[in-house]
């Protein structure tokens, strides 16, 4: 699972190597990558909202 998280983070930042991306598509299950990506996106939104609330005080 850690490999999926690292791969999704690399994709978020746009630094994933082409070889790694190809390996993900060949060996990984799409549902796992989609789920982890959605969870990370939600976490990002929550963190930004928390920072905004704290900054507004």
Protein backbone atom coordinates (compact mmCIF):
# COMPACT_ATOMS: atom_id res chain seq x y z
CA UNK A 1 0.00 0.00 0.00
CA UNK A 2 2.92 2.35 0.71
CA UNK A 3 4.02 2.00 -2.92
CA UNK A 4 0.59 3.15 -4.07
CA UNK A 5 0.71 6.17 -1.75
CA UNK A 6 4.19 7.11 -2.98
CA UNK A 7 3.09 6.74 -6.58
CA UNK A 8 -0.01 8.88 -6.09
CA UNK A 9 2.02 11.58 -4.30
CA UNK A 10 4.54 11.61 -7.12
CA UNK A 11 1.71 11.95 -9.62
CA UNK A 12 0.17 14.81 -7.57
CA UNK A 13 3.44 16.71 -7.74
CA UNK A 14 4.11 15.75 -11.35
CA UNK A 15 7.47 14.14 -10.67
CA UNK A 16 6.65 10.51 -11.39
CA UNK A 17 9.00 8.81 -13.82
CA UNK A 18 7.58 7.32 -17.00
CA UNK A 19 8.91 3.86 -16.12
CA UNK A 20 7.16 3.93 -12.73
CA UNK A 21 3.92 5.13 -14.31
CA UNK A 22 4.02 2.26 -16.81
CA UNK A 23 4.65 -0.24 -13.99
CA UNK A 24 1.68 1.16 -12.06
CA UNK A 25 -0.61 0.72 -15.04
CA UNK A 26 0.64 -2.77 -15.80
CA UNK A 27 0.70 -4.22 -12.30
CA UNK A 28 -1.54 -2.02 -10.17
CA UNK A 29 -5.29 -2.09 -9.87
CA UNK A 30 -6.96 1.12 -10.98
CA UNK A 31 -9.48 1.08 -8.12
CA UNK A 32 -6.71 1.21 -5.53
CA UNK A 33 -5.02 4.19 -7.20
CA UNK A 34 -8.33 6.01 -7.63
CA UNK A 35 -9.32 5.41 -4.00
CA UNK A 36 -5.97 6.58 -2.64
CA UNK A 37 -6.02 9.61 -4.94
CA UNK A 38 -9.50 10.61 -3.83
CA UNK A 39 -8.59 10.21 -0.16
CA UNK A 40 -5.47 12.32 -0.60
CA UNK A 41 -7.42 15.00 -2.46
CA UNK A 42 -10.00 15.13 0.35
CA UNK A 43 -7.20 15.36 2.91
CA UNK A 44 -5.71 18.27 0.99
CA UNK A 45 -9.06 20.10 0.95
CA UNK A 46 -9.52 19.56 4.70
CA UNK A 47 -6.00 20.80 5.44
CA UNK A 48 -6.49 23.93 3.31
CA UNK A 49 -9.82 24.60 5.04
CA UNK A 50 -8.21 24.21 8.47
CA UNK A 51 -5.40 26.59 7.55
CA UNK A 52 -7.97 29.12 6.30
CA UNK A 53 -9.97 28.87 9.54
CA UNK A 54 -6.86 29.30 11.69
CA UNK A 55 -5.63 32.21 9.56
CA UNK A 56 -9.03 33.94 9.79
CA UNK A 57 -8.92 34.09 13.59
